[in-house]
Amino acid sequence: MINYKKEQMFNRFGLQTGFSLIHYSNANVKAPNTSVNTIAFNVGVIYNLDEENREFIDNLNDEKFTENIKFNFV
C-alpha cells in the first residue's frame, strides 16, 4: 500500500490518495495462488473542521531538512 496525504492545499481542503495490491493465499502447496487478488486505488478529500489557522514559517534560511522514510509491514 502506498498513500499520500496533503492537508490544507486550498484553505481548509486537502487531498489523500493511495494505491494497494492485496494477495490472499489459498494455503495450497501443490497449486499455490501466486497472483494479486485485488488492485485498489483511492482518492479522498480532507476538510479541516477547526477554524484555527496554522502559522507557517516562510523563511527557513535555506537550511537543509531531511526526514526518514517510514516503512510499515504487516
PDB file of N, CA and C in Angstrom:
ATOM      1  N   MET A   1       0.850  -1.168   0.000  1.00  0.00           N
ATOM      2  CA  MET A   1       0.000   0.000   0.000  1.00  0.00           C
ATOM      3  C   MET A   1       0.900   1.236   0.000  1.00  0.00           C
ATOM      4  N   ILE A   2       0.530   2.176  -0.836  1.00  0.00           N
ATOM      5  CA  ILE A   2       1.218   3.470  -0.888  1.00  0.00           C
ATOM      6  C   ILE A   2       0.147   4.540  -0.730  1.00  0.00           C
ATOM      7  N   ASN A   3       0.339   5.457   0.221  1.00  0.00           N
ATOM      8  CA  ASN A   3      -0.615   6.546   0.462  1.00  0.00           C
ATOM      9  C   ASN A   3       0.105   7.882   0.454  1.00  0.00           C
ATOM     10  N   TYR A   4      -0.592   8.911   0.000  1.00  0.00           N
ATOM     11  CA  TYR A   4      -0.090  10.281   0.041  1.00  0.00           C
ATOM     12  C   TYR A   4      -1.185  11.159   0.624  1.00  0.00           C
ATOM     13  N   LYS A   5      -0.816  12.017   1.565  1.00  0.00           N
ATOM     14  CA  LYS A   5      -1.787  12.892   2.225  1.00  0.00           C
ATOM     15  C   LYS A   5      -1.221  14.307   2.270  1.00  0.00           C
ATOM     16  N   LYS A   6      -1.986  15.266   1.759  1.00  0.00           N
ATOM     17  CA  LYS A   6      -1.597  16.677   1.771  1.00  0.00           C
ATOM     18  C   LYS A   6      -2.751  17.472   2.348  1.00  0.00           C
ATOM     19  N   GLU A   7      -2.550  18.048   3.539  1.00  0.00           N
ATOM     20  CA  GLU A   7      -3.594  18.818   4.202  1.00  0.00           C
ATOM     21  C   GLU A   7      -3.496  20.287   3.814  1.00  0.00           C
ATOM     22  N   GLN A   8      -4.622  20.963   3.854  1.00  0.00           N
ATOM     23  CA  GLN A   8      -4.763  22.402   3.623  1.00  0.00           C
ATOM     24  C   GLN A   8      -4.085  22.863   2.334  1.00  0.00           C
ATOM     25  N   MET A   9      -4.458  22.240   1.229  1.00  0.00           N
ATOM     26  CA  MET A   9      -3.961  22.684  -0.079  1.00  0.00           C
ATOM     27  C   MET A   9      -4.647  23.973  -0.506  1.00  0.00           C
ATOM     28  N   PHE A  10      -5.972  24.041  -0.295  1.00  0.00           N
ATOM     29  CA  PHE A  10      -6.770  25.224  -0.609  1.00  0.00           C
ATOM     30  C   PHE A  10      -7.605  25.544   0.619  1.00  0.00           C
ATOM     31  N   ASN A  11      -7.216  26.550   1.375  1.00  0.00           N
ATOM     32  CA  ASN A  11      -7.877  26.936   2.622  1.00  0.00           C
ATOM     33  C   ASN A  11      -7.976  25.731   3.557  1.00  0.00           C
ATOM     34  N   ARG A  12      -9.172  25.185   3.767  1.00  0.00           N
ATOM     35  CA  ARG A  12      -9.362  24.053   4.684  1.00  0.00           C
ATOM     36  C   ARG A  12      -9.417  22.702   3.971  1.00  0.00           C
ATOM     37  N   PHE A  13      -9.285  22.685   2.660  1.00  0.00           N
ATOM     38  CA  PHE A  13      -9.401  21.446   1.900  1.00  0.00           C
ATOM     39  C   PHE A  13      -8.040  20.828   1.625  1.00  0.00           C
ATOM     40  N   GLY A  14      -8.009  19.498   1.666  1.00  0.00           N
ATOM     41  CA  GLY A  14      -6.801  18.763   1.374  1.00  0.00           C
ATOM     42  C   GLY A  14      -7.106  17.564   0.508  1.00  0.00           C
ATOM     43  N   LEU A  15      -6.085  16.758   0.217  1.00  0.00           N
ATOM     44  CA  LEU A  15      -6.219  15.612  -0.671  1.00  0.00           C
ATOM     45  C   LEU A  15      -5.507  14.415  -0.080  1.00  0.00           C
ATOM     46  N   GLN A  16      -6.114  13.246  -0.230  1.00  0.00           N
ATOM     47  CA  GLN A  16      -5.489  11.989   0.177  1.00  0.00           C
ATOM     48  C   GLN A  16      -5.711  10.982  -0.938  1.00  0.00           C
ATOM     49  N   THR A  17      -4.649  10.284  -1.354  1.00  0.00           N
ATOM     50  CA  THR A  17      -4.750   9.304  -2.420  1.00  0.00           C
ATOM     51  C   THR A  17      -3.869   8.110  -2.097  1.00  0.00           C
ATOM     52  N   GLY A  18      -4.183   6.960  -2.683  1.00  0.00           N
ATOM     53  CA  GLY A  18      -3.409   5.771  -2.396  1.00  0.00           C
ATOM     54  C   GLY A  18      -3.601   4.677  -3.428  1.00  0.00           C
ATOM     55  N   PHE A  19      -2.723   3.662  -3.348  1.00  0.00           N
ATOM     56  CA  PHE A  19      -2.722   2.531  -4.260  1.00  0.00           C
ATOM     57  C   PHE A  19      -2.400   1.279  -3.450  1.00  0.00           C
ATOM     58  N   SER A  20      -3.140   0.182  -3.678  1.00  0.00           N
ATOM     59  CA  SER A  20      -2.940  -1.045  -2.895  1.00  0.00           C
ATOM     60  C   SER A  20      -2.921  -2.272  -3.795  1.00  0.00           C
ATOM     61  N   LEU A  21      -2.068  -3.221  -3.461  1.00  0.00           N
ATOM     62  CA  LEU A  21      -2.048  -4.548  -4.069  1.00  0.00           C
ATOM     63  C   LEU A  21      -2.265  -5.548  -2.939  1.00  0.00           C
ATOM     64  N   ILE A  22      -3.299  -6.384  -3.044  1.00  0.00           N
ATOM     65  CA  ILE A  22      -3.639  -7.314  -1.966  1.00  0.00           C
ATOM     66  C   ILE A  22      -3.587  -8.742  -2.510  1.00  0.00           C
ATOM     67  N   HIS A  23      -2.944  -9.636  -1.772  1.00  0.00           N
ATOM     68  CA  HIS A  23      -2.846 -11.045  -2.137  1.00  0.00           C
ATOM     69  C   HIS A  23      -3.412 -11.896  -1.013  1.00  0.00           C
ATOM     70  N   TYR A  24      -4.334 -12.795  -1.354  1.00  0.00           N
ATOM     71  CA  TYR A  24      -4.900 -13.746  -0.402  1.00  0.00           C
ATOM     72  C   TYR A  24      -4.360 -15.128  -0.760  1.00  0.00           C
ATOM     73  N   SER A  25      -3.720 -15.777   0.170  1.00  0.00           N
ATOM     74  CA  SER A  25      -3.164 -17.098  -0.075  1.00  0.00           C
ATOM     75  C   SER A  25      -4.233 -18.165   0.115  1.00  0.00           C
ATOM     76  N   ASN A  26      -4.179 -19.195  -0.737  1.00  0.00           N
ATOM     77  CA  ASN A  26      -5.110 -20.305  -0.578  1.00  0.00           C
ATOM     78  C   ASN A  26      -4.490 -21.452   0.232  1.00  0.00           C
ATOM     79  N   ALA A  27      -3.238 -21.312   0.671  1.00  0.00           N
ATOM     80  CA  ALA A  27      -2.524 -22.281   1.514  1.00  0.00           C
ATOM     81  C   ALA A  27      -2.419 -23.647   0.858  1.00  0.00           C
ATOM     82  N   ASN A  28      -2.388 -23.691  -0.445  1.00  0.00           N
ATOM     83  CA  ASN A  28      -2.244 -24.944  -1.178  1.00  0.00           C
ATOM     84  C   ASN A  28      -0.790 -25.094  -1.597  1.00  0.00           C
ATOM     85  N   VAL A  29      -0.156 -26.213  -1.262  1.00  0.00           N
ATOM     86  CA  VAL A  29       1.262 -26.418  -1.564  1.00  0.00           C
ATOM     87  C   VAL A  29       1.455 -26.872  -3.004  1.00  0.00           C
ATOM     88  N   LYS A  30       0.585 -27.729  -3.525  1.00  0.00           N
ATOM     89  CA  LYS A  30       0.747 -28.278  -4.880  1.00  0.00           C
ATOM     90  C   LYS A  30       0.346 -27.278  -5.967  1.00  0.00           C
ATOM     91  N   ALA A  31      -0.657 -26.463  -5.716  1.00  0.00           N
ATOM     92  CA  ALA A  31      -1.105 -25.468  -6.699  1.00  0.00           C
ATOM     93  C   ALA A  31      -1.364 -24.141  -5.992  1.00  0.00           C
ATOM     94  N   PRO A  32      -0.289 -23.430  -5.605  1.00  0.00           N
ATOM     95  CA  PRO A  32      -0.487 -22.188  -4.848  1.00  0.00           C
ATOM     96  C   PRO A  32      -1.035 -21.056  -5.721  1.00  0.00           C
ATOM     97  N   ASN A  33      -1.711 -20.155  -5.078  1.00  0.00           N
ATOM     98  CA  ASN A  33      -2.219 -18.962  -5.733  1.00  0.00           C
ATOM     99  C   ASN A  33      -1.093 -17.928  -5.710  1.00  0.00           C
ATOM    100  N   THR A  34      -0.499 -17.622  -6.867  1.00  0.00           N
ATOM    101  CA  THR A  34       0.665 -16.729  -6.914  1.00  0.00           C
ATOM    102  C   THR A  34       0.336 -15.357  -7.483  1.00  0.00           C
ATOM    103  N   SER A  35      -0.915 -15.058  -7.714  1.00  0.00           N
ATOM    104  CA  SER A  35      -1.263 -13.786  -8.327  1.00  0.00           C
ATOM    105  C   SER A  35      -1.770 -12.778  -7.298  1.00  0.00           C
ATOM    106  N   VAL A  36      -1.934 -11.558  -7.758  1.00  0.00           N
ATOM    107  CA  VAL A  36      -2.508 -10.493  -6.943  1.00  0.00           C
ATOM    108  C   VAL A  36      -4.022 -10.574  -7.079  1.00  0.00           C
ATOM    109  N   ASN A  37      -4.732 -10.630  -5.961  1.00  0.00           N
ATOM    110  CA  ASN A  37      -6.181 -10.788  -5.990  1.00  0.00           C
ATOM    111  C   ASN A  37      -6.939  -9.472  -6.136  1.00  0.00           C
ATOM    112  N   THR A  38      -6.448  -8.410  -5.523  1.00  0.00           N
ATOM    113  CA  THR A  38      -7.152  -7.134  -5.556  1.00  0.00           C
ATOM    114  C   THR A  38      -6.178  -6.003  -5.844  1.00  0.00           C
ATOM    115  N   ILE A  39      -6.532  -5.168  -6.811  1.00  0.00           N
ATOM    116  CA  ILE A  39      -5.784  -3.944  -7.106  1.00  0.00           C
ATOM    117  C   ILE A  39      -6.735  -2.792  -6.799  1.00  0.00           C
ATOM    118  N   ALA A  40      -6.357  -1.928  -5.872  1.00  0.00           N
ATOM    119  CA  ALA A  40      -7.254  -0.857  -5.441  1.00  0.00           C
ATOM    120  C   ALA A  40      -6.565   0.503  -5.533  1.00  0.00           C
ATOM    121  N   PHE A  41      -7.344   1.512  -5.902  1.00  0.00           N
ATOM    122  CA  PHE A  41      -6.885   2.895  -5.968  1.00  0.00           C
ATOM    123  C   PHE A  41      -7.921   3.753  -5.253  1.00  0.00           C
ATOM    124  N   ASN A  42      -7.475   4.673  -4.391  1.00  0.00           N
ATOM    125  CA  ASN A  42      -8.429   5.518  -3.674  1.00  0.00           C
ATOM    126  C   ASN A  42      -8.022   6.985  -3.730  1.00  0.00           C
ATOM    127  N   VAL A  43      -9.038   7.843  -3.724  1.00  0.00           N
ATOM    128  CA  VAL A  43      -8.842   9.292  -3.711  1.00  0.00           C
ATOM    129  C   VAL A  43      -9.860   9.868  -2.734  1.00  0.00           C
ATOM    130  N   GLY A  44      -9.426  10.793  -1.900  1.00  0.00           N
ATOM    131  CA  GLY A  44     -10.339  11.399  -0.943  1.00  0.00           C
ATOM    132  C   GLY A  44     -10.054  12.869  -0.741  1.00  0.00           C
ATOM    133  N   VAL A  45     -11.056  13.579  -0.267  1.00  0.00           N
ATOM    134  CA  VAL A  45     -10.933  14.998   0.055  1.00  0.00           C
ATOM    135  C   VAL A  45     -10.943  15.132   1.571  1.00  0.00           C
ATOM    136  N   ILE A  46     -10.049  15.938   2.101  1.00  0.00           N
ATOM    137  CA  ILE A  46      -9.944  16.189   3.535  1.00  0.00           C
ATOM    138  C   ILE A  46     -10.455  17.606   3.790  1.00  0.00           C
ATOM    139  N   TYR A  47     -11.289  17.758   4.809  1.00  0.00           N
ATOM    140  CA  TYR A  47     -11.781  19.083   5.194  1.00  0.00           C
ATOM    141  C   TYR A  47     -11.493  19.285   6.675  1.00  0.00           C
ATOM    142  N   ASN A  48     -10.827  20.381   7.014  1.00  0.00           N
ATOM    143  CA  ASN A  48     -10.477  20.698   8.394  1.00  0.00           C
ATOM    144  C   ASN A  48     -11.634  21.457   9.039  1.00  0.00           C
ATOM    145  N   LEU A  49     -12.238  20.856  10.068  1.00  0.00           N
ATOM    146  CA  LEU A  49     -13.375  21.493  10.747  1.00  0.00           C
ATOM    147  C   LEU A  49     -12.951  22.585  11.723  1.00  0.00           C
ATOM    148  N   ASP A  50     -11.710  22.558  12.205  1.00  0.00           N
ATOM    149  CA  ASP A  50     -11.230  23.575  13.129  1.00  0.00           C
ATOM    150  C   ASP A  50     -11.082  24.907  12.406  1.00  0.00           C
ATOM    151  N   GLU A  51     -11.453  25.981  13.087  1.00  0.00           N
ATOM    152  CA  GLU A  51     -11.352  27.295  12.471  1.00  0.00           C
ATOM    153  C   GLU A  51      -9.999  27.946  12.691  1.00  0.00           C
ATOM    154  N   GLU A  52      -9.128  27.295  13.431  1.00  0.00           N
ATOM    155  CA  GLU A  52      -7.808  27.866  13.683  1.00  0.00           C
ATOM    156  C   GLU A  52      -6.965  27.817  12.419  1.00  0.00           C
ATOM    157  N   ASN A  53      -6.297  28.904  12.131  1.00  0.00           N
ATOM    158  CA  ASN A  53      -5.365  28.934  11.006  1.00  0.00           C
ATOM    159  C   ASN A  53      -3.977  28.584  11.513  1.00  0.00           C
ATOM    160  N   ARG A  54      -3.319  27.706  10.823  1.00  0.00           N
ATOM    161  CA  ARG A  54      -1.962  27.336  11.205  1.00  0.00           C
ATOM    162  C   ARG A  54      -0.989  28.393  10.714  1.00  0.00           C
ATOM    163  N   GLU A  55       0.023  28.636  11.508  1.00  0.00           N
ATOM    164  CA  GLU A  55       1.047  29.586  11.104  1.00  0.00           C
ATOM    165  C   GLU A  55       2.202  28.809  10.485  1.00  0.00           C
ATOM    166  N   PHE A  56       2.651  29.266   9.333  1.00  0.00           N
ATOM    167  CA  PHE A  56       3.752  28.630   8.640  1.00  0.00           C
ATOM    168  C   PHE A  56       4.946  29.572   8.614  1.00  0.00           C
ATOM    169  N   ILE A  57       6.116  28.999   8.686  1.00  0.00           N
ATOM    170  CA  ILE A  57       7.349  29.775   8.609  1.00  0.00           C
ATOM    171  C   ILE A  57       7.730  29.886   7.137  1.00  0.00           C
ATOM    172  N   ASP A  58       7.765  31.111   6.626  1.00  0.00           N
ATOM    173  CA  ASP A  58       8.087  31.306   5.212  1.00  0.00           C
ATOM    174  C   ASP A  58       9.583  31.252   4.947  1.00  0.00           C
ATOM    175  N   ASN A  59      10.395  31.731   5.866  1.00  0.00           N
ATOM    176  CA  ASN A  59      11.835  31.818   5.654  1.00  0.00           C
ATOM    177  C   ASN A  59      12.544  30.815   6.564  1.00  0.00           C
ATOM    178  N   LEU A  60      13.153  29.817   5.976  1.00  0.00           N
ATOM    179  CA  LEU A  60      13.889  28.820   6.754  1.00  0.00           C
ATOM    180  C   LEU A  60      15.403  29.005   6.629  1.00  0.00           C
ATOM    181  N   ASN A  61      15.831  30.132   6.063  1.00  0.00           N
ATOM    182  CA  ASN A  61      17.258  30.449   5.904  1.00  0.00           C
ATOM    183  C   ASN A  61      18.001  29.370   5.127  1.00  0.00           C
ATOM    184  N   ASP A  62      17.328  28.747   4.168  1.00  0.00           N
ATOM    185  CA  ASP A  62      17.926  27.718   3.300  1.00  0.00           C
ATOM    186  C   ASP A  62      18.591  26.594   4.076  1.00  0.00           C
ATOM    187  N   GLU A  63      18.023  26.231   5.222  1.00  0.00           N
ATOM    188  CA  GLU A  63      18.555  25.106   5.985  1.00  0.00           C
ATOM    189  C   GLU A  63      18.108  23.807   5.340  1.00  0.00           C
ATOM    190  N   LYS A  64      19.001  22.821   5.343  1.00  0.00           N
ATOM    191  CA  LYS A  64      18.677  21.517   4.774  1.00  0.00           C
ATOM    192  C   LYS A  64      17.823  20.742   5.775  1.00  0.00           C
ATOM    193  N   PHE A  65      16.705  20.209   5.300  1.00  0.00           N
ATOM    194  CA  PHE A  65      15.796  19.440   6.147  1.00  0.00           C
ATOM    195  C   PHE A  65      15.643  18.053   5.553  1.00  0.00           C
ATOM    196  N   THR A  66      15.908  17.038   6.343  1.00  0.00           N
ATOM    197  CA  THR A  66      15.721  15.659   5.887  1.00  0.00           C
ATOM    198  C   THR A  66      14.832  14.926   6.877  1.00  0.00           C
ATOM    199  N   GLU A  67      14.063  13.986   6.344  1.00  0.00           N
ATOM    200  CA  GLU A  67      13.189  13.178   7.174  1.00  0.00           C
ATOM    201  C   GLU A  67      13.280  11.735   6.698  1.00  0.00           C
ATOM    202  N   ASN A  68      13.318  10.813   7.630  1.00  0.00           N
ATOM    203  CA  ASN A  68      13.427   9.412   7.285  1.00  0.00           C
ATOM    204  C   ASN A  68      12.150   8.922   6.606  1.00  0.00           C
ATOM    205  N   ILE A  69      12.308   7.973   5.686  1.00  0.00           N
ATOM    206  CA  ILE A  69      11.163   7.317   5.058  1.00  0.00           C
ATOM    207  C   ILE A  69      10.694   6.222   6.003  1.00  0.00           C
ATOM    208  N   LYS A  70       9.384   6.127   6.178  1.00  0.00           N
ATOM    209  CA  LYS A  70       8.812   5.178   7.122  1.00  0.00           C
ATOM    210  C   LYS A  70       8.199   4.006   6.378  1.00  0.00           C
ATOM    211  N   PHE A  71       8.571   2.787   6.752  1.00  0.00           N
ATOM    212  CA  PHE A  71       8.026   1.567   6.161  1.00  0.00           C
ATOM    213  C   PHE A  71       7.252   0.812   7.240  1.00  0.00           C
ATOM    214  N   ASN A  72       6.060   0.342   6.892  1.00  0.00           N
ATOM    215  CA  ASN A  72       5.263  -0.490   7.782  1.00  0.00           C
ATOM    216  C   ASN A  72       4.968  -1.805   7.084  1.00  0.00           C
ATOM    217  N   PHE A  73       5.286  -2.907   7.742  1.00  0.00           N
ATOM    218  CA  PHE A  73       4.993  -4.230   7.207  1.00  0.00           C
ATOM    219  C   PHE A  73       4.050  -4.935   8.149  1.00  0.00           C
ATOM    220  N   VAL A  74       2.991  -5.494   7.609  1.00  0.00           N
ATOM    221  CA  VAL A  74       2.009  -6.201   8.432  1.00  0.00           C
ATOM    222  C   VAL A  74       1.897  -7.626   7.931  1.00  0.00           C
TER     223      VAL A  74
END
